C-alpha atoms as a PDB file:
ATOM      1  CA  UNK A   1       8.933   3.016 -30.118  1.00  0.00           C
ATOM      2  CA  UNK A   2       7.010   5.081 -27.572  1.00  0.00           C
ATOM      3  CA  UNK A   3       7.809   4.996 -23.872  1.00  0.00           C
ATOM      4  CA  UNK A   4       4.584   3.104 -23.099  1.00  0.00           C
ATOM      5  CA  UNK A   5       5.379   0.516 -25.790  1.00  0.00           C
ATOM      6  CA  UNK A   6       8.835   0.077 -24.303  1.00  0.00           C
ATOM      7  CA  UNK A   7       7.303  -0.440 -20.835  1.00  0.00           C
ATOM      8  CA  UNK A   8       4.958  -3.038 -22.344  1.00  0.00           C
ATOM      9  CA  UNK A   9       7.727  -4.986 -24.091  1.00  0.00           C
ATOM     10  CA  UNK A  10      10.527  -5.096 -21.537  1.00  0.00           C
ATOM     11  CA  UNK A  11      10.288  -7.430 -18.567  1.00  0.00           C
ATOM     12  CA  UNK A  12      10.581  -6.476 -14.908  1.00  0.00           C
ATOM     13  CA  UNK A  13      13.701  -8.651 -14.633  1.00  0.00           C
ATOM     14  CA  UNK A  14      15.558  -5.929 -16.599  1.00  0.00           C
ATOM     15  CA  UNK A  15      14.921  -3.389 -13.823  1.00  0.00           C
ATOM     16  CA  UNK A  16      17.583  -2.918 -11.149  1.00  0.00           C
ATOM     17  CA  UNK A  17      16.496  -5.391  -8.449  1.00  0.00           C
ATOM     18  CA  UNK A  18      17.587  -5.042  -4.841  1.00  0.00           C
ATOM     19  CA  UNK A  19      18.075  -7.940  -2.480  1.00  0.00           C
ATOM     20  CA  UNK A  20      15.041  -8.229  -0.224  1.00  0.00           C
ATOM     21  CA  UNK A  21      15.142  -8.643   3.528  1.00  0.00           C
ATOM     22  CA  UNK A  22      12.910 -11.693   3.955  1.00  0.00           C
ATOM     23  CA  UNK A  23      11.668 -12.319   7.497  1.00  0.00           C
ATOM     24  CA  UNK A  24       9.087 -14.533   9.120  1.00  0.00           C
ATOM     25  CA  UNK A  25       6.026 -13.065  10.774  1.00  0.00           C
ATOM     26  CA  UNK A  26       7.363 -13.580  14.319  1.00  0.00           C
ATOM     27  CA  UNK A  27      10.460 -11.409  13.908  1.00  0.00           C
ATOM     28  CA  UNK A  28      10.468  -8.596  16.466  1.00  0.00           C
ATOM     29  CA  UNK A  29      10.440  -5.044  15.160  1.00  0.00           C
ATOM     30  CA  UNK A  30      13.826  -3.994  16.580  1.00  0.00           C
ATOM     31  CA  UNK A  31      15.575  -6.852  14.730  1.00  0.00           C
ATOM     32  CA  UNK A  32      13.802  -5.959  11.474  1.00  0.00           C
ATOM     33  CA  UNK A  33      14.678  -2.279  11.855  1.00  0.00           C
ATOM     34  CA  UNK A  34      18.335  -3.144  12.496  1.00  0.00           C
ATOM     35  CA  UNK A  35      18.455  -5.178   9.281  1.00  0.00           C
ATOM     36  CA  UNK A  36      16.719  -2.428   7.332  1.00  0.00           C
ATOM     37  CA  UNK A  37      19.304   0.091   8.560  1.00  0.00           C
ATOM     38  CA  UNK A  38      22.241  -2.238   7.878  1.00  0.00           C
ATOM     39  CA  UNK A  39      21.089  -2.818   4.306  1.00  0.00           C
ATOM     40  CA  UNK A  40      19.905   0.783   3.725  1.00  0.00           C
ATOM     41  CA  UNK A  41      16.491  -0.505   2.722  1.00  0.00           C
ATOM     42  CA  UNK A  42      13.150   1.008   3.674  1.00  0.00           C
ATOM     43  CA  UNK A  43      11.302  -2.266   4.083  1.00  0.00           C
ATOM     44  CA  UNK A  44      11.416  -5.906   5.052  1.00  0.00           C
ATOM     45  CA  UNK A  45       9.211  -8.514   3.396  1.00  0.00           C
ATOM     46  CA  UNK A  46       7.264 -10.936   5.554  1.00  0.00           C
ATOM     47  CA  UNK A  47       7.374 -14.324   3.877  1.00  0.00           C
ATOM     48  CA  UNK A  48       5.775 -17.689   4.526  1.00  0.00           C
ATOM     49  CA  UNK A  49       7.983 -20.764   5.065  1.00  0.00           C
ATOM     50  CA  UNK A  50       8.137 -21.183   1.263  1.00  0.00           C
ATOM     51  CA  UNK A  51       9.528 -17.625   0.848  1.00  0.00           C
ATOM     52  CA  UNK A  52       6.342 -16.251  -0.704  1.00  0.00           C
ATOM     53  CA  UNK A  53       5.544 -12.616   0.219  1.00  0.00           C
ATOM     54  CA  UNK A  54       2.752 -12.207   2.785  1.00  0.00           C
ATOM     55  CA  UNK A  55       3.176  -8.599   3.881  1.00  0.00           C
ATOM     56  CA  UNK A  56       5.577  -5.689   4.027  1.00  0.00           C
ATOM     57  CA  UNK A  57       7.055  -3.971   7.071  1.00  0.00           C
ATOM     58  CA  UNK A  58       8.197  -0.446   6.206  1.00  0.00           C
ATOM     59  CA  UNK A  59       8.719   3.026   7.659  1.00  0.00           C
ATOM     60  CA  UNK A  60       4.960   3.559   7.884  1.00  0.00           C
ATOM     61  CA  UNK A  61       4.692   0.371   9.944  1.00  0.00           C
ATOM     62  CA  UNK A  62       7.314   1.722  12.347  1.00  0.00           C
ATOM     63  CA  UNK A  63       5.441   5.017  12.678  1.00  0.00           C
ATOM     64  CA  UNK A  64       2.196   3.133  13.442  1.00  0.00           C
ATOM     65  CA  UNK A  65       4.048   1.116  16.115  1.00  0.00           C
ATOM     66  CA  UNK A  66       5.487   4.234  17.738  1.00  0.00           C
ATOM     67  CA  UNK A  67       2.104   5.972  17.676  1.00  0.00           C
ATOM     68  CA  UNK A  68       0.539   2.923  19.356  1.00  0.00           C
ATOM     69  CA  UNK A  69       3.229   2.947  22.058  1.00  0.00           C
ATOM     70  CA  UNK A  70       4.123  -0.731  21.678  1.00  0.00           C
ATOM     71  CA  UNK A  71       7.541  -2.188  22.452  1.00  0.00           C
ATOM     72  CA  UNK A  72       9.882  -2.624  19.499  1.00  0.00           C
ATOM     73  CA  UNK A  73      11.633  -5.373  21.471  1.00  0.00           C
ATOM     74  CA  UNK A  74       8.620  -7.632  21.918  1.00  0.00           C
ATOM     75  CA  UNK A  75       6.159  -6.814  19.134  1.00  0.00           C
ATOM     76  CA  UNK A  76       6.229  -8.976  16.018  1.00  0.00           C
ATOM     77  CA  UNK A  77       6.428  -7.157  12.696  1.00  0.00           C
ATOM     78  CA  UNK A  78       3.302  -8.934  11.469  1.00  0.00           C
ATOM     79  CA  UNK A  79       1.200  -6.957  13.973  1.00  0.00           C
ATOM     80  CA  UNK A  80       1.884  -3.693  12.103  1.00  0.00           C
ATOM     81  CA  UNK A  81       2.799  -4.890   8.623  1.00  0.00           C
ATOM     82  CA  UNK A  82       0.907  -3.829   5.536  1.00  0.00           C
ATOM     83  CA  UNK A  83      -0.803  -6.893   4.037  1.00  0.00           C
ATOM     84  CA  UNK A  84      -1.343  -4.975   0.784  1.00  0.00           C
ATOM     85  CA  UNK A  85       2.078  -5.870  -0.546  1.00  0.00           C
ATOM     86  CA  UNK A  86       2.740  -5.094  -4.209  1.00  0.00           C
ATOM     87  CA  UNK A  87       3.774  -8.248  -6.021  1.00  0.00           C
ATOM     88  CA  UNK A  88       4.905  -8.550  -9.637  1.00  0.00           C
ATOM     89  CA  UNK A  89       6.492 -11.442 -11.487  1.00  0.00           C
ATOM     90  CA  UNK A  90       9.943 -11.111 -13.021  1.00  0.00           C
ATOM     91  CA  UNK A  91       8.589 -11.894 -16.495  1.00  0.00           C
ATOM     92  CA  UNK A  92       5.731  -9.355 -16.300  1.00  0.00           C
ATOM     93  CA  UNK A  93       6.103  -6.237 -18.437  1.00  0.00           C
ATOM     94  CA  UNK A  94       7.609  -3.205 -16.706  1.00  0.00           C
ATOM     95  CA  UNK A  95       4.274  -1.497 -17.330  1.00  0.00           C
ATOM     96  CA  UNK A  96       2.797  -3.664 -14.533  1.00  0.00           C
ATOM     97  CA  UNK A  97       5.364  -2.292 -12.071  1.00  0.00           C
ATOM     98  CA  UNK A  98       4.744   1.239 -13.342  1.00  0.00           C
ATOM     99  CA  UNK A  99       0.984   0.859 -12.763  1.00  0.00           C
ATOM    100  CA  UNK A 100       1.511  -0.622  -9.291  1.00  0.00           C
ATOM    101  CA  UNK A 101       3.640   2.364  -8.284  1.00  0.00           C
ATOM    102  CA  UNK A 102       1.693   5.142 -10.010  1.00  0.00           C
ATOM    103  CA  UNK A 103      -1.897   3.909  -9.812  1.00  0.00           C
ATOM    104  CA  UNK A 104      -1.842   1.801  -6.639  1.00  0.00           C
ATOM    105  CA  UNK A 105       0.697   3.857  -4.675  1.00  0.00           C
ATOM    106  CA  UNK A 106       3.188   1.107  -3.879  1.00  0.00           C
ATOM    107  CA  UNK A 107       6.656   2.337  -3.004  1.00  0.00           C
ATOM    108  CA  UNK A 108       8.188  -1.137  -2.950  1.00  0.00           C
ATOM    109  CA  UNK A 109       7.304  -4.117  -5.135  1.00  0.00           C
ATOM    110  CA  UNK A 110       8.180  -7.716  -4.400  1.00  0.00           C
ATOM    111  CA  UNK A 111       9.452  -9.435  -7.521  1.00  0.00           C
ATOM    112  CA  UNK A 112       8.694 -13.146  -7.652  1.00  0.00           C
ATOM    113  CA  UNK A 113       9.417 -16.013  -9.987  1.00  0.00           C
ATOM    114  CA  UNK A 114       6.664 -17.965 -11.758  1.00  0.00           C
ATOM    115  CA  UNK A 115       5.966 -19.980  -8.598  1.00  0.00           C
ATOM    116  CA  UNK A 116       5.583 -16.927  -6.362  1.00  0.00           C
ATOM    117  CA  UNK A 117       8.957 -17.178  -4.608  1.00  0.00           C
ATOM    118  CA  UNK A 118      10.529 -13.856  -3.662  1.00  0.00           C
ATOM    119  CA  UNK A 119      13.598 -13.040  -5.775  1.00  0.00           C
ATOM    120  CA  UNK A 120      14.092  -9.323  -5.104  1.00  0.00           C
ATOM    121  CA  UNK A 121      12.638  -5.846  -4.764  1.00  0.00           C
ATOM    122  CA  UNK A 122      12.006  -2.993  -7.129  1.00  0.00           C
ATOM    123  CA  UNK A 123       9.638  -0.051  -7.061  1.00  0.00           C
ATOM    124  CA  UNK A 124       9.949   3.714  -7.235  1.00  0.00           C
ATOM    125  CA  UNK A 125      13.729   3.660  -7.211  1.00  0.00           C
ATOM    126  CA  UNK A 126      14.048   0.874  -9.778  1.00  0.00           C
ATOM    127  CA  UNK A 127      11.666   2.653 -12.135  1.00  0.00           C
ATOM    128  CA  UNK A 128      13.467   5.981 -11.675  1.00  0.00           C
ATOM    129  CA  UNK A 129      16.795   4.333 -12.518  1.00  0.00           C
ATOM    130  CA  UNK A 130      15.200   2.679 -15.554  1.00  0.00           C
ATOM    131  CA  UNK A 131      13.905   6.029 -16.834  1.00  0.00           C
ATOM    132  CA  UNK A 132      17.329   7.618 -16.238  1.00  0.00           C
ATOM    133  CA  UNK A 133      19.014   4.829 -18.217  1.00  0.00           C
ATOM    134  CA  UNK A 134      16.484   5.070 -21.065  1.00  0.00           C
ATOM    135  CA  UNK A 135      16.814   8.811 -21.459  1.00  0.00           C
ATOM    136  CA  UNK A 136      20.358   9.479 -20.300  1.00  0.00           C
ATOM    137  CA  UNK A 137      21.380  10.973 -23.646  1.00  0.00           C
ATOM    138  CA  UNK A 138      18.174  12.938 -24.182  1.00  0.00           C
ATOM    139  CA  UNK A 139      17.731  14.755 -20.869  1.00  0.00           C
ATOM    140  CA  UNK A 140      20.071  15.719 -18.055  1.00  0.00           C
ATOM    141  CA  UNK A 141      19.772  12.983 -15.446  1.00  0.00           C
ATOM    142  CA  UNK A 142      21.719  12.102 -12.332  1.00  0.00           C
ATOM    143  CA  UNK A 143      22.039   8.665 -10.735  1.00  0.00           C
ATOM    144  CA  UNK A 144      20.203   8.342  -7.440  1.00  0.00           C
ATOM    145  CA  UNK A 145      22.536   8.649  -4.492  1.00  0.00           C
ATOM    146  CA  UNK A 146      25.327  10.395  -6.409  1.00  0.00           C
ATOM    147  CA  UNK A 147      26.658  13.854  -5.640  1.00  0.00           C
ATOM    148  CA  UNK A 148      24.826  16.664  -7.455  1.00  0.00           C
ATOM    149  CA  UNK A 149      26.646  17.614 -10.659  1.00  0.00           C
ATOM    150  CA  UNK A 150      26.857  21.226  -9.479  1.00  0.00           C
ATOM    151  CA  UNK A 151      29.109  20.080  -6.621  1.00  0.00           C
ATOM    152  CA  UNK A 152      31.380  18.112  -8.969  1.00  0.00           C
ATOM    153  CA  UNK A 153      32.168  20.863 -11.456  1.00  0.00           C
ATOM    154  CA  UNK A 154      35.390  22.813 -11.327  1.00  0.00           C
ATOM    155  CA  UNK A 155      35.240  25.766  -8.960  1.00  0.00           C
ATOM    156  CA  UNK A 156      32.371  24.339  -6.903  1.00  0.00           C
END
């Protein structure tokens, strides 16, 4: 089976999903940033009261806020969030996530259930880990976040 066929057959739910930081639109930026740092995550998802994604607050949002000179203590994240949030369903083929990252430029993707409720995040990192798992025995790969193999060998 080719790589593209494999992406078309396997569902997004098989990707490594990260827990999303789900916040309402009125959350102030400093609180969102603190949560993002605590959870080592580059974004927070703005959700409606039903926990459906409405926007994404990420590092680019923070940069736009700083460039505008607004207060992180009083400005709501919705004022600088990106409304073009990438959303995929858990039962969609992985190819959909691949296209959203490669063709549409999304770094993070909100994964939802059939009713549109947020269940987690994936994106560039999830796809990279998937590729590493698929080809671990065929090419030299290293898990994201691990120490480089050159530093682990004897005599390093």
